[in-house]
Amino acid sequence: MDEFQKASKEGMDVATKSFGAVSKGLQAIASEYADFSKKSVEESTAAFEKMIAAKSPDKAFEVQSDYMKSAYESMISEFNKLSEMYLDLGKEAYKPYEGFAGKVASK
């Protein structure tokens, strides 16, 4: 019975550590999304203002093309960054279970 209580306590400790890692990772991801969204709105507003101020349709088209290229590159970069953050989140959430799983299996 004592072993069971010890294993239960260790299991709770591991779950708590894992939950802490998930919570921290999700906060970082949410912050990243918010920063990217804010930056995107600022950039699209600036591009829209430049388009309105353009003296010719050609210049407006050029501004729009430059903005679309920049927005696409930013989005791809952000998706890659977020993918890495999600992978790191998974690794960090699993770390506490690595040693615990071996202990439980050997008993």
PDB file of N, CA and C in Angstrom:
ATOM      1  N   MET A   1       0.819  -1.192   0.000  1.00  0.00           N
ATOM      2  CA  MET A   1       0.000   0.000   0.000  1.00  0.00           C
ATOM      3  C   MET A   1       0.864   1.257   0.000  1.00  0.00           C
ATOM      4  N   ASP A   2       1.977   1.205   0.720  1.00  0.00           N
ATOM      5  CA  ASP A   2       2.878   2.343   0.790  1.00  0.00           C
ATOM      6  C   ASP A   2       3.455   2.669  -0.587  1.00  0.00           C
ATOM      7  N   GLU A   3       3.786   1.608  -1.338  1.00  0.00           N
ATOM      8  CA  GLU A   3       4.315   1.800  -2.692  1.00  0.00           C
ATOM      9  C   GLU A   3       3.291   2.459  -3.598  1.00  0.00           C
ATOM     10  N   PHE A   4       2.054   2.056  -3.442  1.00  0.00           N
ATOM     11  CA  PHE A   4       0.974   2.627  -4.243  1.00  0.00           C
ATOM     12  C   PHE A   4       0.826   4.120  -3.960  1.00  0.00           C
ATOM     13  N   GLN A   5       0.883   4.495  -2.689  1.00  0.00           N
ATOM     14  CA  GLN A   5       0.764   5.908  -2.326  1.00  0.00           C
ATOM     15  C   GLN A   5       1.950   6.705  -2.867  1.00  0.00           C
ATOM     16  N   LYS A   6       3.118   6.131  -2.789  1.00  0.00           N
ATOM     17  CA  LYS A   6       4.319   6.803  -3.298  1.00  0.00           C
ATOM     18  C   LYS A   6       4.224   6.984  -4.815  1.00  0.00           C
ATOM     19  N   ALA A   7       3.783   5.944  -5.503  1.00  0.00           N
ATOM     20  CA  ALA A   7       3.629   6.028  -6.961  1.00  0.00           C
ATOM     21  C   ALA A   7       2.553   7.040  -7.331  1.00  0.00           C
ATOM     22  N   SER A   8       1.481   7.081  -6.547  1.00  0.00           N
ATOM     23  CA  SER A   8       0.414   8.049  -6.814  1.00  0.00           C
ATOM     24  C   SER A   8       0.918   9.471  -6.634  1.00  0.00           C
ATOM     25  N   LYS A   9       1.695   9.710  -5.594  1.00  0.00           N
ATOM     26  CA  LYS A   9       2.255  11.037  -5.342  1.00  0.00           C
ATOM     27  C   LYS A   9       3.207  11.424  -6.468  1.00  0.00           C
ATOM     28  N   GLU A  10       4.074  10.489  -6.856  1.00  0.00           N
ATOM     29  CA  GLU A  10       5.001  10.764  -7.956  1.00  0.00           C
ATOM     30  C   GLU A  10       4.234  11.059  -9.245  1.00  0.00           C
ATOM     31  N   GLY A  11       3.169  10.314  -9.471  1.00  0.00           N
ATOM     32  CA  GLY A  11       2.342  10.534 -10.658  1.00  0.00           C
ATOM     33  C   GLY A  11       1.718  11.921 -10.663  1.00  0.00           C
ATOM     34  N   MET A  12       1.243  12.348  -9.511  1.00  0.00           N
ATOM     35  CA  MET A  12       0.666  13.697  -9.407  1.00  0.00           C
ATOM     36  C   MET A  12       1.727  14.765  -9.617  1.00  0.00           C
ATOM     37  N   ASP A  13       2.912  14.547  -9.063  1.00  0.00           N
ATOM     38  CA  ASP A  13       4.002  15.505  -9.251  1.00  0.00           C
ATOM     39  C   ASP A  13       4.378  15.624 -10.725  1.00  0.00           C
ATOM     40  N   VAL A  14       4.456  14.492 -11.397  1.00  0.00           N
ATOM     41  CA  VAL A  14       4.790  14.473 -12.820  1.00  0.00           C
ATOM     42  C   VAL A  14       3.703  15.185 -13.625  1.00  0.00           C
ATOM     43  N   ALA A  15       2.445  14.889 -13.308  1.00  0.00           N
ATOM     44  CA  ALA A  15       1.338  15.532 -14.023  1.00  0.00           C
ATOM     45  C   ALA A  15       1.337  17.039 -13.791  1.00  0.00           C
ATOM     46  N   THR A  16       1.638  17.456 -12.576  1.00  0.00           N
ATOM     47  CA  THR A  16       1.698  18.886 -12.260  1.00  0.00           C
ATOM     48  C   THR A  16       2.811  19.572 -13.040  1.00  0.00           C
ATOM     49  N   LYS A  17       3.976  18.939 -13.098  1.00  0.00           N
ATOM     50  CA  LYS A  17       5.089  19.506 -13.869  1.00  0.00           C
ATOM     51  C   LYS A  17       4.725  19.593 -15.354  1.00  0.00           C
ATOM     52  N   SER A  18       4.108  18.558 -15.863  1.00  0.00           N
ATOM     53  CA  SER A  18       3.712  18.541 -17.268  1.00  0.00           C
ATOM     54  C   SER A  18       2.680  19.639 -17.547  1.00  0.00           C
ATOM     55  N   PHE A  19       1.708  19.762 -16.655  1.00  0.00           N
ATOM     56  CA  PHE A  19       0.694  20.794 -16.816  1.00  0.00           C
ATOM     57  C   PHE A  19       1.328  22.177 -16.782  1.00  0.00           C
ATOM     58  N   GLY A  20       2.297  22.378 -15.902  1.00  0.00           N
ATOM     59  CA  GLY A  20       3.009  23.657 -15.834  1.00  0.00           C
ATOM     60  C   GLY A  20       3.727  23.969 -17.142  1.00  0.00           C
ATOM     61  N   ALA A  21       4.360  22.956 -17.722  1.00  0.00           N
ATOM     62  CA  ALA A  21       5.063  23.143 -18.993  1.00  0.00           C
ATOM     63  C   ALA A  21       4.075  23.472 -20.109  1.00  0.00           C
ATOM     64  N   VAL A  22       2.940  22.795 -20.129  1.00  0.00           N
ATOM     65  CA  VAL A  22       1.920  23.060 -21.150  1.00  0.00           C
ATOM     66  C   VAL A  22       1.378  24.471 -20.982  1.00  0.00           C
ATOM     67  N   SER A  23       1.088  24.851 -19.764  1.00  0.00           N
ATOM     68  CA  SER A  23       0.560  26.182 -19.494  1.00  0.00           C
ATOM     69  C   SER A  23       1.537  27.269 -19.941  1.00  0.00           C
ATOM     70  N   LYS A  24       2.791  27.099 -19.587  1.00  0.00           N
ATOM     71  CA  LYS A  24       3.828  28.068 -19.966  1.00  0.00           C
ATOM     72  C   LYS A  24       3.977  28.133 -21.486  1.00  0.00           C
ATOM     73  N   GLY A  25       3.979  26.985 -22.128  1.00  0.00           N
ATOM     74  CA  GLY A  25       4.110  26.940 -23.588  1.00  0.00           C
ATOM     75  C   GLY A  25       2.926  27.578 -24.292  1.00  0.00           C
ATOM     76  N   LEU A  26       1.721  27.301 -23.811  1.00  0.00           N
ATOM     77  CA  LEU A  26       0.533  27.887 -24.431  1.00  0.00           C
ATOM     78  C   LEU A  26       0.490  29.400 -24.236  1.00  0.00           C
ATOM     79  N   GLN A  27       0.963  29.874 -23.090  1.00  0.00           N
ATOM     80  CA  GLN A  27       1.038  31.322 -22.878  1.00  0.00           C
ATOM     81  C   GLN A  27       2.006  31.963 -23.868  1.00  0.00           C
ATOM     82  N   ALA A  28       3.133  31.328 -24.095  1.00  0.00           N
ATOM     83  CA  ALA A  28       4.114  31.853 -25.048  1.00  0.00           C
ATOM     84  C   ALA A  28       3.537  31.859 -26.465  1.00  0.00           C
ATOM     85  N   ILE A  29       2.819  30.809 -26.818  1.00  0.00           N
ATOM     86  CA  ILE A  29       2.209  30.725 -28.143  1.00  0.00           C
ATOM     87  C   ILE A  29       1.130  31.793 -28.301  1.00  0.00           C
ATOM     88  N   ALA A  30       0.300  31.972 -27.285  1.00  0.00           N
ATOM     89  CA  ALA A  30      -0.744  32.997 -27.340  1.00  0.00           C
ATOM     90  C   ALA A  30      -0.137  34.392 -27.469  1.00  0.00           C
ATOM     91  N   SER A  31       0.935  34.623 -26.756  1.00  0.00           N
ATOM     92  CA  SER A  31       1.625  35.913 -26.835  1.00  0.00           C
ATOM     93  C   SER A  31       2.191  36.133 -28.239  1.00  0.00           C
ATOM     94  N   GLU A  32       2.748  35.082 -28.803  1.00  0.00           N
ATOM     95  CA  GLU A  32       3.295  35.163 -30.165  1.00  0.00           C
ATOM     96  C   GLU A  32       2.194  35.475 -31.177  1.00  0.00           C
ATOM     97  N   TYR A  33       1.038  34.786 -31.047  1.00  0.00           N
ATOM     98  CA  TYR A  33      -0.098  35.063 -31.928  1.00  0.00           C
ATOM     99  C   TYR A  33      -0.535  36.520 -31.805  1.00  0.00           C
ATOM    100  N   ALA A  34      -0.623  37.013 -30.583  1.00  0.00           N
ATOM    101  CA  ALA A  34      -1.062  38.396 -30.358  1.00  0.00           C
ATOM    102  C   ALA A  34      -0.082  39.386 -30.970  1.00  0.00           C
ATOM    103  N   ASP A  35       1.207  39.159 -30.758  1.00  0.00           N
ATOM    104  CA  ASP A  35       2.218  40.048 -31.338  1.00  0.00           C
ATOM    105  C   ASP A  35       2.160  40.042 -32.862  1.00  0.00           C
ATOM    106  N   PHE A  36       2.021  38.853 -33.437  1.00  0.00           N
ATOM    107  CA  PHE A  36       1.960  38.749 -34.890  1.00  0.00           C
ATOM    108  C   PHE A  36       0.709  39.440 -35.439  1.00  0.00           C
ATOM    109  N   SER A  37      -0.410  39.250 -34.761  1.00  0.00           N
ATOM    110  CA  SER A  37      -1.662  39.881 -35.197  1.00  0.00           C
ATOM    111  C   SER A  37      -1.551  41.397 -35.160  1.00  0.00           C
ATOM    112  N   LYS A  38      -0.994  41.917 -34.077  1.00  0.00           N
ATOM    113  CA  LYS A  38      -0.820  43.365 -33.950  1.00  0.00           C
ATOM    114  C   LYS A  38       0.076  43.899 -35.065  1.00  0.00           C
ATOM    115  N   LYS A  39       1.182  43.215 -35.294  1.00  0.00           N
ATOM    116  CA  LYS A  39       2.121  43.625 -36.343  1.00  0.00           C
ATOM    117  C   LYS A  39       1.449  43.570 -37.713  1.00  0.00           C
ATOM    118  N   SER A  40       0.663  42.544 -37.962  1.00  0.00           N
ATOM    119  CA  SER A  40      -0.026  42.399 -39.246  1.00  0.00           C
ATOM    120  C   SER A  40      -1.016  43.534 -39.491  1.00  0.00           C
ATOM    121  N   VAL A  41      -1.771  43.885 -38.456  1.00  0.00           N
ATOM    122  CA  VAL A  41      -2.736  44.983 -38.587  1.00  0.00           C
ATOM    123  C   VAL A  41      -2.003  46.298 -38.867  1.00  0.00           C
ATOM    124  N   GLU A  42      -0.919  46.529 -38.160  1.00  0.00           N
ATOM    125  CA  GLU A  42      -0.145  47.749 -38.373  1.00  0.00           C
ATOM    126  C   GLU A  42       0.407  47.821 -39.796  1.00  0.00           C
ATOM    127  N   GLU A  43       0.942  46.701 -40.281  1.00  0.00           N
ATOM    128  CA  GLU A  43       1.510  46.677 -41.623  1.00  0.00           C
ATOM    129  C   GLU A  43       0.435  46.828 -42.697  1.00  0.00           C
ATOM    130  N   SER A  44      -0.702  46.192 -42.510  1.00  0.00           N
ATOM    131  CA  SER A  44      -1.773  46.309 -43.511  1.00  0.00           C
ATOM    132  C   SER A  44      -2.360  47.710 -43.516  1.00  0.00           C
ATOM    133  N   THR A  45      -2.452  48.340 -42.360  1.00  0.00           N
ATOM    134  CA  THR A  45      -2.936  49.723 -42.292  1.00  0.00           C
ATOM    135  C   THR A  45      -1.970  50.659 -43.001  1.00  0.00           C
ATOM    136  N   ALA A  46      -0.691  50.482 -42.764  1.00  0.00           N
ATOM    137  CA  ALA A  46       0.319  51.319 -43.420  1.00  0.00           C
ATOM    138  C   ALA A  46       0.272  51.127 -44.937  1.00  0.00           C
ATOM    139  N   ALA A  47       0.123  49.894 -45.387  1.00  0.00           N
ATOM    140  CA  ALA A  47       0.062  49.621 -46.826  1.00  0.00           C
ATOM    141  C   ALA A  47      -1.192  50.242 -47.427  1.00  0.00           C
ATOM    142  N   PHE A  48      -2.310  50.154 -46.722  1.00  0.00           N
ATOM    143  CA  PHE A  48      -3.554  50.743 -47.213  1.00  0.00           C
ATOM    144  C   PHE A  48      -3.419  52.264 -47.340  1.00  0.00           C
ATOM    145  N   GLU A  49      -2.801  52.889 -46.357  1.00  0.00           N
ATOM    146  CA  GLU A  49      -2.592  54.334 -46.412  1.00  0.00           C
ATOM    147  C   GLU A  49      -1.694  54.714 -47.584  1.00  0.00           C
ATOM    148  N   LYS A  50      -0.659  53.914 -47.837  1.00  0.00           N
ATOM    149  CA  LYS A  50       0.223  54.178 -48.985  1.00  0.00           C
ATOM    150  C   LYS A  50      -0.536  54.014 -50.297  1.00  0.00           C
ATOM    151  N   MET A  51      -1.407  53.005 -50.350  1.00  0.00           N
ATOM    152  CA  MET A  51      -2.187  52.790 -51.576  1.00  0.00           C
ATOM    153  C   MET A  51      -3.122  53.961 -51.846  1.00  0.00           C
ATOM    154  N   ILE A  52      -3.757  54.452 -50.812  1.00  0.00           N
ATOM    155  CA  ILE A  52      -4.671  55.584 -50.980  1.00  0.00           C
ATOM    156  C   ILE A  52      -3.914  56.832 -51.422  1.00  0.00           C
ATOM    157  N   ALA A  53      -2.698  57.010 -50.906  1.00  0.00           N
ATOM    158  CA  ALA A  53      -1.891  58.186 -51.239  1.00  0.00           C
ATOM    159  C   ALA A  53      -1.194  58.070 -52.591  1.00  0.00           C
ATOM    160  N   ALA A  54      -1.277  56.924 -53.215  1.00  0.00           N
ATOM    161  CA  ALA A  54      -0.589  56.720 -54.504  1.00  0.00           C
ATOM    162  C   ALA A  54      -1.134  57.681 -55.549  1.00  0.00           C
ATOM    163  N   LYS A  55      -0.255  58.202 -56.363  1.00  0.00           N
ATOM    164  CA  LYS A  55      -0.616  59.187 -57.391  1.00  0.00           C
ATOM    165  C   LYS A  55      -1.126  58.549 -58.681  1.00  0.00           C
ATOM    166  N   SER A  56      -0.863  57.257 -58.834  1.00  0.00           N
ATOM    167  CA  SER A  56      -1.293  56.593 -60.061  1.00  0.00           C
ATOM    168  C   SER A  56      -1.699  55.154 -59.745  1.00  0.00           C
ATOM    169  N   PRO A  57      -2.496  54.567 -60.625  1.00  0.00           N
ATOM    170  CA  PRO A  57      -2.866  53.156 -60.420  1.00  0.00           C
ATOM    171  C   PRO A  57      -1.649  52.230 -60.403  1.00  0.00           C
ATOM    172  N   ASP A  58      -0.653  52.563 -61.229  1.00  0.00           N
ATOM    173  CA  ASP A  58       0.562  51.744 -61.257  1.00  0.00           C
ATOM    174  C   ASP A  58       1.264  51.753 -59.902  1.00  0.00           C
ATOM    175  N   LYS A  59       1.349  52.932 -59.289  1.00  0.00           N
ATOM    176  CA  LYS A  59       1.999  53.039 -57.984  1.00  0.00           C
ATOM    177  C   LYS A  59       1.179  52.295 -56.922  1.00  0.00           C
ATOM    178  N   ALA A  60      -0.132  52.390 -56.992  1.00  0.00           N
ATOM    179  CA  ALA A  60      -1.003  51.686 -56.046  1.00  0.00           C
ATOM    180  C   ALA A  60      -0.824  50.172 -56.195  1.00  0.00           C
ATOM    181  N   PHE A  61      -0.748  49.715 -57.425  1.00  0.00           N
ATOM    182  CA  PHE A  61      -0.540  48.289 -57.681  1.00  0.00           C
ATOM    183  C   PHE A  61       0.811  47.836 -57.136  1.00  0.00           C
ATOM    184  N   GLU A  62       1.831  48.674 -57.308  1.00  0.00           N
ATOM    185  CA  GLU A  62       3.161  48.356 -56.803  1.00  0.00           C
ATOM    186  C   GLU A  62       3.156  48.247 -55.271  1.00  0.00           C
ATOM    187  N   VAL A  63       2.479  49.198 -54.618  1.00  0.00           N
ATOM    188  CA  VAL A  63       2.380  49.163 -53.156  1.00  0.00           C
ATOM    189  C   VAL A  63       1.666  47.893 -52.713  1.00  0.00           C
ATOM    190  N   GLN A  64       0.562  47.555 -53.397  1.00  0.00           N
ATOM    191  CA  GLN A  64      -0.188  46.355 -53.036  1.00  0.00           C
ATOM    192  C   GLN A  64       0.655  45.102 -53.248  1.00  0.00           C
ATOM    193  N   SER A  65       1.363  45.033 -54.350  1.00  0.00           N
ATOM    194  CA  SER A  65       2.212  43.868 -54.630  1.00  0.00           C
ATOM    195  C   SER A  65       3.307  43.707 -53.587  1.00  0.00           C
ATOM    196  N   ASP A  66       3.940  44.821 -53.226  1.00  0.00           N
ATOM    197  CA  ASP A  66       4.995  44.773 -52.204  1.00  0.00           C
ATOM    198  C   ASP A  66       4.437  44.307 -50.863  1.00  0.00           C
ATOM    199  N   TYR A  67       3.252  44.830 -50.543  1.00  0.00           N
ATOM    200  CA  TYR A  67       2.632  44.437 -49.274  1.00  0.00           C
ATOM    201  C   TYR A  67       2.291  42.945 -49.281  1.00  0.00           C
ATOM    202  N   MET A  68       1.700  42.466 -50.359  1.00  0.00           N
ATOM    203  CA  MET A  68       1.303  41.051 -50.421  1.00  0.00           C
ATOM    204  C   MET A  68       2.519  40.134 -50.310  1.00  0.00           C
ATOM    205  N   LYS A  69       3.593  40.503 -50.962  1.00  0.00           N
ATOM    206  CA  LYS A  69       4.817  39.702 -50.884  1.00  0.00           C
ATOM    207  C   LYS A  69       5.345  39.693 -49.449  1.00  0.00           C
ATOM    208  N   SER A  70       5.392  40.847 -48.832  1.00  0.00           N
ATOM    209  CA  SER A  70       5.878  40.959 -47.464  1.00  0.00           C
ATOM    210  C   SER A  70       4.968  40.198 -46.488  1.00  0.00           C
ATOM    211  N   ALA A  71       3.657  40.324 -46.675  1.00  0.00           N
ATOM    212  CA  ALA A  71       2.702  39.637 -45.797  1.00  0.00           C
ATOM    213  C   ALA A  71       2.832  38.120 -45.923  1.00  0.00           C
ATOM    214  N   TYR A  72       3.007  37.647 -47.151  1.00  0.00           N
ATOM    215  CA  TYR A  72       3.169  36.209 -47.386  1.00  0.00           C
ATOM    216  C   TYR A  72       4.429  35.692 -46.692  1.00  0.00           C
ATOM    217  N   GLU A  73       5.541  36.410 -46.865  1.00  0.00           N
ATOM    218  CA  GLU A  73       6.801  35.992 -46.247  1.00  0.00           C
ATOM    219  C   GLU A  73       6.707  36.021 -44.723  1.00  0.00           C
ATOM    220  N   SER A  74       6.044  37.042 -44.183  1.00  0.00           N
ATOM    221  CA  SER A  74       5.864  37.127 -42.733  1.00  0.00           C
ATOM    222  C   SER A  74       5.021  35.972 -42.216  1.00  0.00           C
ATOM    223  N   MET A  75       3.977  35.640 -42.957  1.00  0.00           N
ATOM    224  CA  MET A  75       3.088  34.562 -42.530  1.00  0.00           C
ATOM    225  C   MET A  75       3.820  33.217 -42.536  1.00  0.00           C
ATOM    226  N   ILE A  76       4.571  32.949 -43.573  1.00  0.00           N
ATOM    227  CA  ILE A  76       5.331  31.693 -43.647  1.00  0.00           C
ATOM    228  C   ILE A  76       6.339  31.618 -42.499  1.00  0.00           C
ATOM    229  N   SER A  77       7.016  32.710 -42.251  1.00  0.00           N
ATOM    230  CA  SER A  77       7.989  32.758 -41.159  1.00  0.00           C
ATOM    231  C   SER A  77       7.300  32.522 -39.818  1.00  0.00           C
ATOM    232  N   GLU A  78       6.141  33.144 -39.639  1.00  0.00           N
ATOM    233  CA  GLU A  78       5.407  32.985 -38.381  1.00  0.00           C
ATOM    234  C   GLU A  78       4.901  31.545 -38.210  1.00  0.00           C
ATOM    235  N   PHE A  79       4.406  30.953 -39.281  1.00  0.00           N
ATOM    236  CA  PHE A  79       3.944  29.563 -39.198  1.00  0.00           C
ATOM    237  C   PHE A  79       5.088  28.637 -38.813  1.00  0.00           C
ATOM    238  N   ASN A  80       6.261  28.869 -39.386  1.00  0.00           N
ATOM    239  CA  ASN A  80       7.423  28.053 -39.029  1.00  0.00           C
ATOM    240  C   ASN A  80       7.790  28.229 -37.556  1.00  0.00           C
ATOM    241  N   LYS A  81       7.764  29.472 -37.104  1.00  0.00           N
ATOM    242  CA  LYS A  81       8.088  29.756 -35.707  1.00  0.00           C
ATOM    243  C   LYS A  81       7.074  29.093 -34.775  1.00  0.00           C
ATOM    244  N   LEU A  82       5.794  29.206 -35.099  1.00  0.00           N
ATOM    245  CA  LEU A  82       4.759  28.594 -34.270  1.00  0.00           C
ATOM    246  C   LEU A  82       4.847  27.070 -34.296  1.00  0.00           C
ATOM    247  N   SER A  83       5.202  26.504 -35.436  1.00  0.00           N
ATOM    248  CA  SER A  83       5.383  25.048 -35.520  1.00  0.00           C
ATOM    249  C   SER A  83       6.472  24.594 -34.562  1.00  0.00           C
ATOM    250  N   GLU A  84       7.572  25.330 -34.536  1.00  0.00           N
ATOM    251  CA  GLU A  84       8.661  25.007 -33.610  1.00  0.00           C
ATOM    252  C   GLU A  84       8.203  25.144 -32.162  1.00  0.00           C
ATOM    253  N   MET A  85       7.408  26.175 -31.891  1.00  0.00           N
ATOM    254  CA  MET A  85       6.916  26.372 -30.531  1.00  0.00           C
ATOM    255  C   MET A  85       6.002  25.222 -30.100  1.00  0.00           C
ATOM    256  N   TYR A  86       5.157  24.754 -31.011  1.00  0.00           N
ATOM    257  CA  TYR A  86       4.285  23.617 -30.685  1.00  0.00           C
ATOM    258  C   TYR A  86       5.092  22.338 -30.481  1.00  0.00           C
ATOM    259  N   LEU A  87       6.123  22.131 -31.289  1.00  0.00           N
ATOM    260  CA  LEU A  87       6.982  20.956 -31.099  1.00  0.00           C
ATOM    261  C   LEU A  87       7.687  21.019 -29.747  1.00  0.00           C
ATOM    262  N   ASP A  88       8.210  22.193 -29.410  1.00  0.00           N
ATOM    263  CA  ASP A  88       8.870  22.365 -28.115  1.00  0.00           C
ATOM    264  C   ASP A  88       7.888  22.149 -26.970  1.00  0.00           C
ATOM    265  N   LEU A  89       6.661  22.607 -27.164  1.00  0.00           N
ATOM    266  CA  LEU A  89       5.631  22.407 -26.142  1.00  0.00           C
ATOM    267  C   LEU A  89       5.409  20.918 -25.891  1.00  0.00           C
ATOM    268  N   GLY A  90       5.296  20.159 -26.947  1.00  0.00           N
ATOM    269  CA  GLY A  90       5.109  18.714 -26.807  1.00  0.00           C
ATOM    270  C   GLY A  90       6.276  18.057 -26.095  1.00  0.00           C
ATOM    271  N   LYS A  91       7.490  18.456 -26.451  1.00  0.00           N
ATOM    272  CA  LYS A  91       8.676  17.885 -25.817  1.00  0.00           C
ATOM    273  C   LYS A  91       8.728  18.226 -24.328  1.00  0.00           C
ATOM    274  N   GLU A  92       8.448  19.488 -24.002  1.00  0.00           N
ATOM    275  CA  GLU A  92       8.487  19.924 -22.605  1.00  0.00           C
ATOM    276  C   GLU A  92       7.390  19.259 -21.780  1.00  0.00           C
ATOM    277  N   ALA A  93       6.228  19.073 -22.383  1.00  0.00           N
ATOM    278  CA  ALA A  93       5.119  18.430 -21.660  1.00  0.00           C
ATOM    279  C   ALA A  93       5.424  16.956 -21.387  1.00  0.00           C
ATOM    280  N   TYR A  94       6.189  16.323 -22.263  1.00  0.00           N
ATOM    281  CA  TYR A  94       6.500  14.895 -22.120  1.00  0.00           C
ATOM    282  C   TYR A  94       7.684  14.640 -21.183  1.00  0.00           C
ATOM    283  N   LYS A  95       8.585  15.610 -21.058  1.00  0.00           N
ATOM    284  CA  LYS A  95       9.801  15.405 -20.269  1.00  0.00           C
ATOM    285  C   LYS A  95       9.552  14.823 -18.875  1.00  0.00           C
ATOM    286  N   PRO A  96       8.616  15.359 -18.099  1.00  0.00           N
ATOM    287  CA  PRO A  96       8.420  14.798 -16.753  1.00  0.00           C
ATOM    288  C   PRO A  96       8.029  13.322 -16.761  1.00  0.00           C
ATOM    289  N   TYR A  97       7.432  12.856 -17.832  1.00  0.00           N
ATOM    290  CA  TYR A  97       6.972  11.462 -17.898  1.00  0.00           C
ATOM    291  C   TYR A  97       8.077  10.486 -18.288  1.00  0.00           C
ATOM    292  N   GLU A  98       9.182  10.988 -18.836  1.00  0.00           N
ATOM    293  CA  GLU A  98      10.237  10.090 -19.309  1.00  0.00           C
ATOM    294  C   GLU A  98      10.762   9.183 -18.196  1.00  0.00           C
ATOM    295  N   GLY A  99      11.195   9.764 -17.111  1.00  0.00           N
ATOM    296  CA  GLY A  99      11.730   8.975 -16.007  1.00  0.00           C
ATOM    297  C   GLY A  99      10.653   8.215 -15.258  1.00  0.00           C
ATOM    298  N   PHE A 100       9.485   8.809 -15.148  1.00  0.00           N
ATOM    299  CA  PHE A 100       8.375   8.185 -14.416  1.00  0.00           C
ATOM    300  C   PHE A 100       7.906   6.911 -15.098  1.00  0.00           C
ATOM    301  N   ALA A 101       7.816   6.935 -16.420  1.00  0.00           N
ATOM    302  CA  ALA A 101       7.354   5.755 -17.156  1.00  0.00           C
ATOM    303  C   ALA A 101       8.301   4.576 -16.936  1.00  0.00           C
ATOM    304  N   GLY A 102       9.579   4.834 -16.902  1.00  0.00           N
ATOM    305  CA  GLY A 102      10.555   3.762 -16.647  1.00  0.00           C
ATOM    306  C   GLY A 102      10.429   3.182 -15.258  1.00  0.00           C
ATOM    307  N   LYS A 103      10.168   4.045 -14.279  1.00  0.00           N
ATOM    308  CA  LYS A 103      10.011   3.585 -12.895  1.00  0.00           C
ATOM    309  C   LYS A 103       8.780   2.695 -12.771  1.00  0.00           C
ATOM    310  N   VAL A 104       7.680   3.133 -13.352  1.00  0.00           N
ATOM    311  CA  VAL A 104       6.425   2.378 -13.238  1.00  0.00           C
ATOM    312  C   VAL A 104       6.553   1.046 -13.957  1.00  0.00           C
ATOM    313  N   ALA A 105       7.193   1.023 -15.110  1.00  0.00           N
ATOM    314  CA  ALA A 105       7.321  -0.207 -15.891  1.00  0.00           C
ATOM    315  C   ALA A 105       8.209  -1.243 -15.180  1.00  0.00           C
ATOM    316  N   SER A 106       9.194  -0.760 -14.436  1.00  0.00           N
ATOM    317  CA  SER A 106      10.090  -1.711 -13.781  1.00  0.00           C
ATOM    318  C   SER A 106       9.497  -2.338 -12.535  1.00  0.00           C
ATOM    319  N   LYS A 107       8.383  -1.790 -12.050  1.00  0.00           N
ATOM    320  CA  LYS A 107       7.777  -2.346 -10.812  1.00  0.00           C
ATOM    321  C   LYS A 107       6.801  -3.400 -11.071  1.00  0.00           C
TER     322      LYS A 107
END
